[in-house]
Amino acid sequence: MIVDFTGRVGLISFMTMAELERWAIQYRWGEHRLHWIHMYLSRFIIVPSSPDLCRKWAEVMVAARAAGRRLECAYAWIAAAAVLYGAPVVTHNQNDYRGVPRLMVISHAR
């Protein structure tokens, strides 16, 4: 399936941004690589935490557990942001998001 995102604004959860920053520090990315990733990420809106997002995170965690799925904390933040704003999650790790109701997942991975 080919998905056309032309004309759409991309969202990134604050959690995703935090993980990218951690990787940059952990793996000692150089100035050139840091500049490139920050330029790339400037095209997206970073979804900050908010009371609505915190409530949605709690709902996502409880729903996944009720469906018999263990959802990692970081994935729950990403899923909650997507559900709250009606945006799909684009990932190669679609199994990480199973059990989250009303979450649209786009993946080319099998």
Protein backbone atom coordinates (compact mmCIF):
# COMPACT_ATOMS: atom_id res chain seq x y z
CA MET A 1 0.00 0.00 0.00
CA ILE A 2 1.28 3.46 -0.87
CA VAL A 3 0.16 6.28 1.40
CA ASP A 4 0.28 9.86 0.14
CA PHE A 5 1.01 12.32 2.94
CA THR A 6 1.15 15.32 0.59
CA GLY A 7 -0.36 18.38 2.21
CA ARG A 8 -0.53 16.81 5.65
CA VAL A 9 1.30 18.04 8.72
CA GLY A 10 3.39 15.38 10.45
CA LEU A 11 3.21 15.02 14.21
CA ILE A 12 5.86 13.58 16.49
CA SER A 13 5.15 12.73 20.10
CA PHE A 14 7.37 14.42 22.66
CA MET A 15 8.34 10.86 23.57
CA THR A 16 9.72 10.18 20.09
CA MET A 17 11.69 13.41 20.19
CA ALA A 18 13.09 12.51 23.61
CA GLU A 19 14.17 9.07 22.35
CA LEU A 20 15.94 10.61 19.35
CA GLU A 21 17.78 13.04 21.60
CA ARG A 22 18.79 10.17 23.90
CA TRP A 23 20.15 8.18 20.97
CA ALA A 24 22.16 11.19 19.81
CA ILE A 25 23.77 11.51 23.23
CA GLN A 26 24.18 7.77 23.82
CA TYR A 27 25.82 7.12 20.45
CA ARG A 28 27.79 10.39 20.45
CA TRP A 29 26.43 11.72 17.19
CA GLY A 30 28.65 14.36 15.67
CA GLU A 31 27.64 17.94 14.92
CA HIS A 32 26.86 17.19 11.27
CA ARG A 33 24.49 14.34 12.12
CA LEU A 34 22.84 16.34 14.92
CA HIS A 35 22.31 19.27 12.57
CA TRP A 36 20.78 16.97 9.92
CA ILE A 37 18.34 15.28 12.31
CA HIS A 38 17.24 18.59 13.81
CA MET A 39 16.69 20.05 10.34
CA TYR A 40 14.66 17.00 9.36
CA LEU A 41 12.58 17.09 12.55
CA SER A 42 11.83 20.80 12.12
CA ARG A 43 9.28 19.75 9.45
CA PHE A 44 7.12 18.15 12.13
CA ILE A 45 5.01 19.45 14.98
CA ILE A 46 6.15 18.09 18.34
CA VAL A 47 3.08 17.10 20.37
CA PRO A 48 3.73 18.25 23.95
CA SER A 49 2.31 16.70 27.07
CA SER A 50 -1.01 18.08 28.28
CA PRO A 51 -3.78 17.03 30.67
CA ASP A 52 -5.77 15.63 27.71
CA LEU A 53 -2.77 13.64 26.51
CA CYS A 54 -2.12 12.31 30.03
CA ARG A 55 -5.72 11.13 30.28
CA LYS A 56 -5.52 9.52 26.82
CA TRP A 57 -2.25 7.79 27.84
CA ALA A 58 -4.02 6.28 30.86
CA GLU A 59 -6.92 5.12 28.68
CA VAL A 60 -4.53 3.55 26.16
CA MET A 61 -2.60 1.72 28.88
CA VAL A 62 -5.77 0.34 30.51
CA ALA A 63 -7.33 -0.66 27.14
CA ALA A 64 -4.19 -2.50 26.03
CA ARG A 65 -3.97 -4.36 29.32
CA ALA A 66 -7.70 -5.24 29.12
CA ALA A 67 -7.02 -6.67 25.63
CA GLY A 68 -4.29 -8.84 27.13
CA ARG A 69 -1.45 -6.80 25.63
CA ARG A 70 1.54 -5.32 27.42
CA LEU A 71 2.18 -1.83 26.05
CA GLU A 72 5.52 -0.20 26.81
CA CYS A 73 5.31 3.25 28.39
CA ALA A 74 6.98 5.03 25.47
CA TYR A 75 4.73 3.35 22.89
CA ALA A 76 1.70 4.29 24.95
CA TRP A 77 2.67 7.98 24.78
CA ILE A 78 3.05 7.75 21.01
CA ALA A 79 -0.24 5.87 20.64
CA ALA A 80 -2.06 8.29 22.94
CA ALA A 81 -0.90 11.29 20.91
CA ALA A 82 -2.02 9.61 17.69
CA VAL A 83 -5.44 8.66 19.06
CA LEU A 84 -5.96 12.08 20.65
CA TYR A 85 -5.25 13.90 17.39
CA GLY A 86 -6.75 11.32 15.03
CA ALA A 87 -3.39 10.71 13.34
CA PRO A 88 -1.97 7.38 12.21
CA VAL A 89 1.18 5.88 13.67
CA VAL A 90 3.70 5.11 10.94
CA THR A 91 5.97 2.31 12.12
CA HIS A 92 7.77 -0.87 11.17
CA ASN A 93 6.89 -2.25 14.62
CA GLN A 94 3.13 -2.58 14.33
CA ASN A 95 3.02 -5.36 16.93
CA ASP A 96 4.12 -2.83 19.55
CA TYR A 97 0.74 -1.12 19.18
CA ARG A 98 -1.64 -4.09 19.15
CA GLY A 99 -4.44 -3.77 21.65
CA VAL A 100 -4.87 0.00 21.31
CA PRO A 101 -8.44 0.77 20.24
CA ARG A 102 -9.10 3.45 17.61
CA LEU A 103 -5.40 3.59 16.67
CA MET A 104 -4.61 3.71 12.96
CA VAL A 105 -1.28 2.00 12.21
CA ILE A 106 0.48 2.28 8.87
CA SER A 107 3.29 -0.19 8.29
CA HIS A 108 4.96 -1.90 5.38
CA ALA A 109 6.44 -4.52 7.70
CA ARG A 110 4.83 -7.93 7.79
